[in-house]
Amino acid sequence: MISQIEDNYCEVEGIKIRYWQKGNRSKNLVLIHGFGGSIEAWYNNINFLAHNYTVYALELPGHGKSDKPQITYSLNIFADFVDKTIKKLNINKFNIAGLSFGGAIVLKYVLKYSEKTDKIILISSAGLSPKMGFLFSLTNMVPFRGIIGIVPKSIFSFYARKTVYDSKCIPQEIIDFYYSLIKTKEFRYVLKSVQKENFSFWGHCSNHLIEISKELQKINNKTLIVWGKNDTIIPVRNAYIGKKLLKNSGIVIYEDCRHNPQFEKAQEFNNDVLKFLEE
């Protein structure tokens, strides 16, 4: 289970960053979670993928158990922190996967540092199109930013379970972990900063995030786009838009699946990712 994966930490510009590292192979795979998430997003994947790759699940600054400084949490800041963490861990040429907002970070990273990366995996990714699902858009309206910190646990649990098709597949300990985070002043600052810098009711709002969808055709890396057909956070139509714009891409859509196919369809996801990486 989650507790069986050892936490590691490194310091990047004075900020403590948590990460998981599994496997001892010559080929590397870096995993980037999404907005408000943590490396727990990958607990159903890292052990399987580590049979063939040295896998690094990096936790973004401001998230999970990483430090939460009061900085501006823009897309550019996140992409640069990924690069600095990779340098700190001495990770050479690598494949990279991003979930949700982590997908936008991956795209920004590849556009800036294409020579460092090999294949790309985008899971329910932001950055392919500016449009988001209604519920996500609603929470990004200025009056509602930060309100998540005062919602009862029952409401938070309801929202969290809406990210998957089968609500039973999210362990209660995951919900408890994230709920404990949103009750802290430090994490609420991070959430509001990410929303302000990157999103609005209409979708993407920052120049960096908007520019990504205009620059996708510059990316030559082989890319796998993975989505849940029933995603209510970032609609599946974005996957097909990405497929058209990323000239060297393939696509996998899972039935009866929403925003987190990496654990809702973990077995299929792991096999499809490994097949793609080994092609």
C-alpha atoms as a PDB file:
ATOM      1  CA  MET A   1       0.000   0.000   0.000  1.00  0.00           C
ATOM      2  CA  ILE A   2       0.993   3.664   0.040  1.00  0.00           C
ATOM      3  CA  SER A   3       2.913   3.409   3.307  1.00  0.00           C
ATOM      4  CA  GLN A   4       5.270   0.842   1.767  1.00  0.00           C
ATOM      5  CA  ILE A   5       6.834   3.435  -0.559  1.00  0.00           C
ATOM      6  CA  GLU A   6       9.734   5.256   1.063  1.00  0.00           C
ATOM      7  CA  ASP A   7       9.719   9.046   1.105  1.00  0.00           C
ATOM      8  CA  ASN A   8      12.904  10.779  -0.047  1.00  0.00           C
ATOM      9  CA  TYR A   9      13.735  14.489   0.127  1.00  0.00           C
ATOM     10  CA  CYS A  10      16.114  16.838  -1.636  1.00  0.00           C
ATOM     11  CA  GLU A  11      16.619  20.576  -1.242  1.00  0.00           C
ATOM     12  CA  VAL A  12      16.145  22.839  -4.257  1.00  0.00           C
ATOM     13  CA  GLU A  13      16.893  26.534  -3.733  1.00  0.00           C
ATOM     14  CA  GLY A  14      16.247  26.134  -0.025  1.00  0.00           C
ATOM     15  CA  ILE A  15      12.909  24.369  -0.583  1.00  0.00           C
ATOM     16  CA  LYS A  16      12.490  20.765   0.589  1.00  0.00           C
ATOM     17  CA  ILE A  17      11.077  18.624  -2.221  1.00  0.00           C
ATOM     18  CA  ARG A  18       9.685  15.130  -1.608  1.00  0.00           C
ATOM     19  CA  TYR A  19      10.073  12.356  -4.167  1.00  0.00           C
ATOM     20  CA  TRP A  20       9.759   8.615  -4.611  1.00  0.00           C
ATOM     21  CA  GLN A  21      12.438   6.633  -6.412  1.00  0.00           C
ATOM     22  CA  LYS A  22      11.967   2.997  -7.426  1.00  0.00           C
ATOM     23  CA  GLY A  23      13.933   0.687  -9.701  1.00  0.00           C
ATOM     24  CA  ASN A  24      17.538   0.486 -10.785  1.00  0.00           C
ATOM     25  CA  ARG A  25      17.460   0.458 -14.565  1.00  0.00           C
ATOM     26  CA  SER A  26      19.445   2.405 -17.152  1.00  0.00           C
ATOM     27  CA  LYS A  27      16.300   4.024 -18.577  1.00  0.00           C
ATOM     28  CA  ASN A  28      14.535   6.751 -16.571  1.00  0.00           C
ATOM     29  CA  LEU A  29      10.904   7.773 -16.177  1.00  0.00           C
ATOM     30  CA  VAL A  30       9.857  10.972 -14.358  1.00  0.00           C
ATOM     31  CA  LEU A  31       6.273  11.377 -13.075  1.00  0.00           C
ATOM     32  CA  ILE A  32       4.655  14.778 -12.399  1.00  0.00           C
ATOM     33  CA  HIS A  33       1.351  14.944 -10.478  1.00  0.00           C
ATOM     34  CA  GLY A  34      -1.362  17.563 -10.905  1.00  0.00           C
ATOM     35  CA  PHE A  35      -2.687  20.729  -9.262  1.00  0.00           C
ATOM     36  CA  GLY A  36      -3.423  20.215  -5.572  1.00  0.00           C
ATOM     37  CA  GLY A  37      -2.114  16.662  -5.763  1.00  0.00           C
ATOM     38  CA  SER A  38       0.955  14.828  -4.555  1.00  0.00           C
ATOM     39  CA  ILE A  39       3.123  11.854  -5.445  1.00  0.00           C
ATOM     40  CA  GLU A  40       0.426   9.634  -3.901  1.00  0.00           C
ATOM     41  CA  ALA A  41      -1.210   9.953  -7.338  1.00  0.00           C
ATOM     42  CA  TRP A  42       1.231   7.294  -8.589  1.00  0.00           C
ATOM     43  CA  TYR A  43       1.021   4.686  -5.829  1.00  0.00           C
ATOM     44  CA  ASN A  44      -0.652   2.159  -8.160  1.00  0.00           C
ATOM     45  CA  ASN A  45       1.951   2.622 -10.897  1.00  0.00           C
ATOM     46  CA  ILE A  46       5.454   3.192  -9.603  1.00  0.00           C
ATOM     47  CA  ASN A  47       6.223  -0.356  -8.436  1.00  0.00           C
ATOM     48  CA  PHE A  48       5.077  -1.921 -11.716  1.00  0.00           C
ATOM     49  CA  LEU A  49       6.923   0.556 -13.929  1.00  0.00           C
ATOM     50  CA  ALA A  50      10.078   0.198 -11.805  1.00  0.00           C
ATOM     51  CA  HIS A  51      10.580  -3.325 -13.166  1.00  0.00           C
ATOM     52  CA  ASN A  52      11.729  -1.754 -16.450  1.00  0.00           C
ATOM     53  CA  TYR A  53      12.702   1.813 -15.507  1.00  0.00           C
ATOM     54  CA  THR A  54      14.225   3.833 -12.741  1.00  0.00           C
ATOM     55  CA  VAL A  55      11.120   5.798 -11.822  1.00  0.00           C
ATOM     56  CA  TYR A  56      11.134   9.165 -10.088  1.00  0.00           C
ATOM     57  CA  ALA A  57       7.825  10.584  -8.836  1.00  0.00           C
ATOM     58  CA  LEU A  58       8.562  14.239  -8.097  1.00  0.00           C
ATOM     59  CA  GLU A  59       6.405  16.287  -5.759  1.00  0.00           C
ATOM     60  CA  LEU A  60       5.883  19.882  -6.798  1.00  0.00           C
ATOM     61  CA  PRO A  61       6.795  22.716  -4.418  1.00  0.00           C
ATOM     62  CA  GLY A  62       3.768  23.727  -2.380  1.00  0.00           C
ATOM     63  CA  HIS A  63       2.196  20.283  -2.624  1.00  0.00           C
ATOM     64  CA  GLY A  64       1.914  17.149  -0.499  1.00  0.00           C
ATOM     65  CA  LYS A  65       4.708  16.958   2.061  1.00  0.00           C
ATOM     66  CA  SER A  66       7.024  19.300   0.153  1.00  0.00           C
ATOM     67  CA  ASP A  67       7.710  22.782   1.549  1.00  0.00           C
ATOM     68  CA  LYS A  68       5.068  25.427   0.884  1.00  0.00           C
ATOM     69  CA  PRO A  69       6.806  28.808   0.573  1.00  0.00           C
ATOM     70  CA  GLN A  70       4.798  31.931  -0.241  1.00  0.00           C
ATOM     71  CA  ILE A  71       5.983  32.312  -3.831  1.00  0.00           C
ATOM     72  CA  THR A  72       4.145  32.853  -7.104  1.00  0.00           C
ATOM     73  CA  TYR A  73       3.037  29.420  -8.325  1.00  0.00           C
ATOM     74  CA  SER A  74       3.047  29.980 -12.077  1.00  0.00           C
ATOM     75  CA  LEU A  75       3.478  27.359 -14.766  1.00  0.00           C
ATOM     76  CA  ASN A  76       6.949  28.683 -15.534  1.00  0.00           C
ATOM     77  CA  ILE A  77       8.006  28.386 -11.879  1.00  0.00           C
ATOM     78  CA  PHE A  78       6.871  24.759 -11.781  1.00  0.00           C
ATOM     79  CA  ALA A  79       8.677  23.855 -15.023  1.00  0.00           C
ATOM     80  CA  ASP A  80      11.893  25.416 -13.740  1.00  0.00           C
ATOM     81  CA  PHE A  81      11.565  23.604 -10.400  1.00  0.00           C
ATOM     82  CA  VAL A  82      11.178  20.302 -12.237  1.00  0.00           C
ATOM     83  CA  ASP A  83      14.404  21.048 -14.121  1.00  0.00           C
ATOM     84  CA  LYS A  84      16.283  22.020 -10.960  1.00  0.00           C
ATOM     85  CA  THR A  85      15.068  18.905  -9.130  1.00  0.00           C
ATOM     86  CA  ILE A  86      16.115  16.682 -12.037  1.00  0.00           C
ATOM     87  CA  LYS A  87      19.567  18.267 -11.973  1.00  0.00           C
ATOM     88  CA  LYS A  88      19.764  17.810  -8.196  1.00  0.00           C
ATOM     89  CA  LEU A  89      18.972  14.103  -8.544  1.00  0.00           C
ATOM     90  CA  ASN A  90      21.410  13.684 -11.470  1.00  0.00           C
ATOM     91  CA  ILE A  91      18.750  12.268 -13.774  1.00  0.00           C
ATOM     92  CA  ASN A  92      20.020  12.016 -17.341  1.00  0.00           C
ATOM     93  CA  LYS A  93      17.953  11.604 -20.522  1.00  0.00           C
ATOM     94  CA  PHE A  94      14.473  10.533 -19.444  1.00  0.00           C
ATOM     95  CA  ASN A  95      10.879   9.860 -20.385  1.00  0.00           C
ATOM     96  CA  ILE A  96       8.345  12.070 -18.630  1.00  0.00           C
ATOM     97  CA  ALA A  97       4.673  11.746 -17.700  1.00  0.00           C
ATOM     98  CA  GLY A  98       2.298  14.417 -16.416  1.00  0.00           C
ATOM     99  CA  LEU A  99      -1.160  14.161 -14.873  1.00  0.00           C
ATOM    100  CA  SER A 100      -3.724  16.963 -15.331  1.00  0.00           C
ATOM    101  CA  PHE A 101      -1.958  20.291 -14.601  1.00  0.00           C
ATOM    102  CA  GLY A 102       1.196  18.188 -14.404  1.00  0.00           C
ATOM    103  CA  GLY A 103       0.673  17.523 -18.110  1.00  0.00           C
ATOM    104  CA  ALA A 104       0.821  21.261 -18.807  1.00  0.00           C
ATOM    105  CA  ILE A 105       4.013  21.440 -16.745  1.00  0.00           C
ATOM    106  CA  VAL A 106       5.469  18.596 -18.818  1.00  0.00           C
ATOM    107  CA  LEU A 107       4.561  20.356 -22.072  1.00  0.00           C
ATOM    108  CA  LYS A 108       6.109  23.603 -20.868  1.00  0.00           C
ATOM    109  CA  TYR A 109       9.194  21.705 -19.728  1.00  0.00           C
ATOM    110  CA  VAL A 110       9.621  19.916 -23.059  1.00  0.00           C
ATOM    111  CA  LEU A 111       9.216  23.171 -24.994  1.00  0.00           C
ATOM    112  CA  LYS A 112      12.014  24.691 -22.875  1.00  0.00           C
ATOM    113  CA  TYR A 113      14.283  21.660 -22.478  1.00  0.00           C
ATOM    114  CA  SER A 114      13.474  19.307 -25.354  1.00  0.00           C
ATOM    115  CA  GLU A 115      17.043  17.979 -25.564  1.00  0.00           C
ATOM    116  CA  LYS A 116      16.716  16.409 -22.096  1.00  0.00           C
ATOM    117  CA  THR A 117      13.595  14.370 -22.734  1.00  0.00           C
ATOM    118  CA  ASP A 118      12.641  11.291 -24.705  1.00  0.00           C
ATOM    119  CA  LYS A 119       9.017  10.105 -24.766  1.00  0.00           C
ATOM    120  CA  ILE A 120       6.044  11.968 -23.242  1.00  0.00           C
ATOM    121  CA  ILE A 121       2.921  10.614 -21.551  1.00  0.00           C
ATOM    122  CA  LEU A 122       0.030  13.056 -21.012  1.00  0.00           C
ATOM    123  CA  ILE A 123      -2.750  11.913 -18.673  1.00  0.00           C
ATOM    124  CA  SER A 124      -5.977  13.952 -18.553  1.00  0.00           C
ATOM    125  CA  SER A 125      -3.699  16.839 -19.415  1.00  0.00           C
ATOM    126  CA  ALA A 126      -4.186  20.575 -19.195  1.00  0.00           C
ATOM    127  CA  GLY A 127      -2.456  22.609 -21.878  1.00  0.00           C
ATOM    128  CA  LEU A 128      -3.931  20.906 -24.932  1.00  0.00           C
ATOM    129  CA  SER A 129      -6.964  23.193 -25.081  1.00  0.00           C
ATOM    130  CA  PRO A 130      -8.083  26.051 -22.804  1.00  0.00           C
ATOM    131  CA  LYS A 131     -11.486  24.539 -22.026  1.00  0.00           C
ATOM    132  CA  MET A 132     -12.139  22.836 -18.681  1.00  0.00           C
ATOM    133  CA  GLY A 133     -15.123  21.029 -17.186  1.00  0.00           C
ATOM    134  CA  PHE A 134     -17.822  23.148 -15.531  1.00  0.00           C
ATOM    135  CA  LEU A 135     -17.129  22.047 -11.940  1.00  0.00           C
ATOM    136  CA  PHE A 136     -13.418  22.845 -12.262  1.00  0.00           C
ATOM    137  CA  SER A 137     -14.196  26.175 -13.921  1.00  0.00           C
ATOM    138  CA  LEU A 138     -16.642  27.081 -11.155  1.00  0.00           C
ATOM    139  CA  THR A 139     -14.045  26.556  -8.417  1.00  0.00           C
ATOM    140  CA  ASN A 140     -11.691  28.899 -10.289  1.00  0.00           C
ATOM    141  CA  MET A 141     -14.053  31.868 -10.121  1.00  0.00           C
ATOM    142  CA  VAL A 142     -12.524  34.529  -7.844  1.00  0.00           C
ATOM    143  CA  PRO A 143     -15.309  34.354  -5.186  1.00  0.00           C
ATOM    144  CA  PHE A 144     -14.806  30.604  -4.787  1.00  0.00           C
ATOM    145  CA  ARG A 145     -11.000  30.512  -4.655  1.00  0.00           C
ATOM    146  CA  GLY A 146      -9.853  29.254  -1.287  1.00  0.00           C
ATOM    147  CA  ILE A 147     -13.362  28.238  -0.222  1.00  0.00           C
ATOM    148  CA  ILE A 148     -12.289  24.591  -0.288  1.00  0.00           C
ATOM    149  CA  GLY A 149     -10.440  25.208   2.974  1.00  0.00           C
ATOM    150  CA  ILE A 150     -13.684  25.678   4.885  1.00  0.00           C
ATOM    151  CA  VAL A 151     -15.853  22.968   3.315  1.00  0.00           C
ATOM    152  CA  PRO A 152     -16.895  20.019   5.503  1.00  0.00           C
ATOM    153  CA  LYS A 153     -15.072  16.746   4.963  1.00  0.00           C
ATOM    154  CA  SER A 154     -18.224  15.168   3.518  1.00  0.00           C
ATOM    155  CA  ILE A 155     -18.368  17.798   0.739  1.00  0.00           C
ATOM    156  CA  PHE A 156     -14.656  17.473   0.033  1.00  0.00           C
ATOM    157  CA  SER A 157     -14.987  13.679  -0.115  1.00  0.00           C
ATOM    158  CA  PHE A 158     -17.886  14.017  -2.567  1.00  0.00           C
ATOM    159  CA  TYR A 159     -15.818  16.274  -4.843  1.00  0.00           C
ATOM    160  CA  ALA A 160     -12.759  14.000  -4.644  1.00  0.00           C
ATOM    161  CA  ARG A 161     -14.774  10.933  -5.554  1.00  0.00           C
ATOM    162  CA  LYS A 162     -16.205  12.766  -8.569  1.00  0.00           C
ATOM    163  CA  THR A 163     -12.733  12.577 -10.137  1.00  0.00           C
ATOM    164  CA  VAL A 164     -13.254   8.847 -10.683  1.00  0.00           C
ATOM    165  CA  TYR A 165     -16.020   6.803 -12.283  1.00  0.00           C
ATOM    166  CA  ASP A 166     -16.127   4.243  -9.486  1.00  0.00           C
ATOM    167  CA  SER A 167     -15.972   6.164  -6.197  1.00  0.00           C
ATOM    168  CA  LYS A 168     -14.915   3.033  -4.301  1.00  0.00           C
ATOM    169  CA  CYS A 169     -11.513   2.968  -5.999  1.00  0.00           C
ATOM    170  CA  ILE A 170     -10.195   5.950  -3.995  1.00  0.00           C
ATOM    171  CA  PRO A 171      -8.841   4.739  -0.643  1.00  0.00           C
ATOM    172  CA  GLN A 172     -10.142   6.640   2.369  1.00  0.00           C
ATOM    173  CA  GLU A 173      -6.570   7.298   3.479  1.00  0.00           C
ATOM    174  CA  ILE A 174      -6.014   9.323   0.291  1.00  0.00           C
ATOM    175  CA  ILE A 175      -9.042  11.497   1.019  1.00  0.00           C
ATOM    176  CA  ASP A 176      -7.964  11.899   4.652  1.00  0.00           C
ATOM    177  CA  PHE A 177      -4.466  12.940   3.532  1.00  0.00           C
ATOM    178  CA  TYR A 178      -5.651  15.608   1.107  1.00  0.00           C
ATOM    179  CA  TYR A 179      -8.296  16.913   3.468  1.00  0.00           C
ATOM    180  CA  SER A 180      -5.675  17.379   6.184  1.00  0.00           C
ATOM    181  CA  LEU A 181      -3.672  19.470   3.697  1.00  0.00           C
ATOM    182  CA  ILE A 182      -6.479  21.831   2.722  1.00  0.00           C
ATOM    183  CA  LYS A 183      -7.108  22.622   6.384  1.00  0.00           C
ATOM    184  CA  THR A 184      -3.676  24.287   6.571  1.00  0.00           C
ATOM    185  CA  LYS A 185      -3.164  27.978   5.819  1.00  0.00           C
ATOM    186  CA  GLU A 186       0.042  27.231   3.870  1.00  0.00           C
ATOM    187  CA  PHE A 187      -1.621  24.870   1.392  1.00  0.00           C
ATOM    188  CA  ARG A 188      -4.636  27.133   0.891  1.00  0.00           C
ATOM    189  CA  TYR A 189      -2.220  29.896  -0.138  1.00  0.00           C
ATOM    190  CA  VAL A 190      -0.688  27.538  -2.723  1.00  0.00           C
ATOM    191  CA  LEU A 191      -4.077  26.576  -4.155  1.00  0.00           C
ATOM    192  CA  LYS A 192      -5.183  30.201  -4.509  1.00  0.00           C
ATOM    193  CA  SER A 193      -1.867  31.183  -6.113  1.00  0.00           C
ATOM    194  CA  VAL A 194      -2.032  28.359  -8.678  1.00  0.00           C
ATOM    195  CA  GLN A 195      -5.613  29.303  -9.536  1.00  0.00           C
ATOM    196  CA  LYS A 196      -4.832  33.013  -9.822  1.00  0.00           C
ATOM    197  CA  GLU A 197      -1.727  32.496 -11.977  1.00  0.00           C
ATOM    198  CA  ASN A 198      -3.032  29.794 -14.311  1.00  0.00           C
ATOM    199  CA  PHE A 199      -6.830  29.426 -14.428  1.00  0.00           C
ATOM    200  CA  SER A 200     -10.087  31.327 -14.652  1.00  0.00           C
ATOM    201  CA  PHE A 201     -13.746  30.401 -15.091  1.00  0.00           C
ATOM    202  CA  TRP A 202     -13.092  30.308 -18.846  1.00  0.00           C
ATOM    203  CA  GLY A 203     -10.175  27.870 -18.581  1.00  0.00           C
ATOM    204  CA  HIS A 204      -6.513  28.782 -19.037  1.00  0.00           C
ATOM    205  CA  CYS A 205      -5.740  32.366 -18.109  1.00  0.00           C
ATOM    206  CA  SER A 206      -1.950  32.819 -18.026  1.00  0.00           C
ATOM    207  CA  ASN A 207       0.094  33.675 -21.103  1.00  0.00           C
ATOM    208  CA  HIS A 208       2.337  30.664 -20.470  1.00  0.00           C
ATOM    209  CA  LEU A 209      -0.588  28.257 -20.318  1.00  0.00           C
ATOM    210  CA  ILE A 210      -2.360  29.761 -23.333  1.00  0.00           C
ATOM    211  CA  GLU A 211       0.850  29.757 -25.377  1.00  0.00           C
ATOM    212  CA  ILE A 212       1.390  26.026 -24.863  1.00  0.00           C
ATOM    213  CA  SER A 213      -1.611  25.041 -26.987  1.00  0.00           C
ATOM    214  CA  LYS A 214      -0.286  27.333 -29.730  1.00  0.00           C
ATOM    215  CA  GLU A 215       3.165  25.714 -29.674  1.00  0.00           C
ATOM    216  CA  LEU A 216       2.266  22.021 -29.544  1.00  0.00           C
ATOM    217  CA  GLN A 217       3.249  21.517 -33.177  1.00  0.00           C
ATOM    218  CA  LYS A 218       6.847  22.339 -32.214  1.00  0.00           C
ATOM    219  CA  ILE A 219       7.047  19.189 -30.077  1.00  0.00           C
ATOM    220  CA  ASN A 220       8.612  16.242 -31.895  1.00  0.00           C
ATOM    221  CA  ASN A 221       8.779  13.762 -28.995  1.00  0.00           C
ATOM    222  CA  LYS A 222       6.759  10.576 -29.315  1.00  0.00           C
ATOM    223  CA  THR A 223       3.718  11.182 -27.131  1.00  0.00           C
ATOM    224  CA  LEU A 224       0.999   9.008 -25.609  1.00  0.00           C
ATOM    225  CA  ILE A 225      -2.239  10.776 -24.656  1.00  0.00           C
ATOM    226  CA  VAL A 226      -4.258   8.910 -22.010  1.00  0.00           C
ATOM    227  CA  TRP A 227      -7.787   9.897 -20.938  1.00  0.00           C
ATOM    228  CA  GLY A 228     -10.939   8.732 -19.242  1.00  0.00           C
ATOM    229  CA  LYS A 229     -13.944   8.964 -21.544  1.00  0.00           C
ATOM    230  CA  ASN A 230     -16.106  10.279 -18.703  1.00  0.00           C
ATOM    231  CA  ASP A 231     -13.705  12.974 -17.439  1.00  0.00           C
ATOM    232  CA  THR A 232     -15.660  15.868 -15.913  1.00  0.00           C
ATOM    233  CA  ILE A 233     -12.596  17.938 -14.922  1.00  0.00           C
ATOM    234  CA  ILE A 234     -10.860  18.221 -18.308  1.00  0.00           C
ATOM    235  CA  PRO A 235     -13.232  16.915 -21.013  1.00  0.00           C
ATOM    236  CA  VAL A 236     -12.092  14.104 -23.287  1.00  0.00           C
ATOM    237  CA  ARG A 237     -12.462  16.319 -26.365  1.00  0.00           C
ATOM    238  CA  ASN A 238      -9.175  17.904 -25.293  1.00  0.00           C
ATOM    239  CA  ALA A 239      -7.462  14.555 -25.900  1.00  0.00           C
ATOM    240  CA  TYR A 240      -8.539  14.569 -29.552  1.00  0.00           C
ATOM    241  CA  ILE A 241      -7.445  18.200 -29.957  1.00  0.00           C
ATOM    242  CA  GLY A 242      -4.036  17.223 -28.583  1.00  0.00           C
ATOM    243  CA  LYS A 243      -3.852  14.253 -30.940  1.00  0.00           C
ATOM    244  CA  LYS A 244      -4.280  16.587 -33.926  1.00  0.00           C
ATOM    245  CA  LEU A 245      -1.734  19.129 -32.726  1.00  0.00           C
ATOM    246  CA  LEU A 246       0.990  16.762 -31.480  1.00  0.00           C
ATOM    247  CA  LYS A 247       2.269  15.322 -34.743  1.00  0.00           C
ATOM    248  CA  ASN A 248       3.970  12.263 -33.231  1.00  0.00           C
ATOM    249  CA  SER A 249       1.244  11.130 -30.849  1.00  0.00           C
ATOM    250  CA  GLY A 250      -1.014   8.198 -30.081  1.00  0.00           C
ATOM    251  CA  ILE A 251      -4.119   8.091 -27.924  1.00  0.00           C
ATOM    252  CA  VAL A 252      -5.738   5.710 -25.419  1.00  0.00           C
ATOM    253  CA  ILE A 253      -9.257   6.360 -24.094  1.00  0.00           C
ATOM    254  CA  TYR A 254     -10.650   4.263 -21.236  1.00  0.00           C
ATOM    255  CA  GLU A 255     -14.356   3.533 -20.909  1.00  0.00           C
ATOM    256  CA  ASP A 256     -16.030   4.045 -17.512  1.00  0.00           C
ATOM    257  CA  CYS A 257     -13.171   6.261 -16.358  1.00  0.00           C
ATOM    258  CA  ARG A 258     -12.878   9.907 -15.325  1.00  0.00           C
ATOM    259  CA  HIS A 259      -9.926  12.141 -14.438  1.00  0.00           C
ATOM    260  CA  ASN A 260      -7.483   9.687 -12.832  1.00  0.00           C
ATOM    261  CA  PRO A 261      -6.985   6.695 -15.146  1.00  0.00           C
ATOM    262  CA  GLN A 262      -3.560   5.999 -13.599  1.00  0.00           C
ATOM    263  CA  PHE A 263      -5.245   4.485 -10.547  1.00  0.00           C
ATOM    264  CA  GLU A 264      -8.829   3.948 -11.720  1.00  0.00           C
ATOM    265  CA  LYS A 265      -7.607   1.777 -14.605  1.00  0.00           C
ATOM    266  CA  ALA A 266      -4.199   1.037 -13.098  1.00  0.00           C
ATOM    267  CA  GLN A 267      -3.558  -2.361 -14.697  1.00  0.00           C
ATOM    268  CA  GLU A 268      -4.530  -1.244 -18.192  1.00  0.00           C
ATOM    269  CA  PHE A 269      -2.700   2.048 -17.720  1.00  0.00           C
ATOM    270  CA  ASN A 270       0.518   0.383 -16.566  1.00  0.00           C
ATOM    271  CA  ASN A 271       0.475  -2.056 -19.466  1.00  0.00           C
ATOM    272  CA  ASP A 272      -0.293   0.636 -22.045  1.00  0.00           C
ATOM    273  CA  VAL A 273       2.440   2.943 -20.720  1.00  0.00           C
ATOM    274  CA  LEU A 274       5.012   0.147 -20.685  1.00  0.00           C
ATOM    275  CA  LYS A 275       4.045  -0.921 -24.205  1.00  0.00           C
ATOM    276  CA  PHE A 276       4.408   2.665 -25.433  1.00  0.00           C
ATOM    277  CA  LEU A 277       7.787   3.165 -23.743  1.00  0.00           C
ATOM    278  CA  GLU A 278       9.132  -0.139 -25.044  1.00  0.00           C
ATOM    279  CA  GLU A 279       8.053   0.384 -28.666  1.00  0.00           C
END
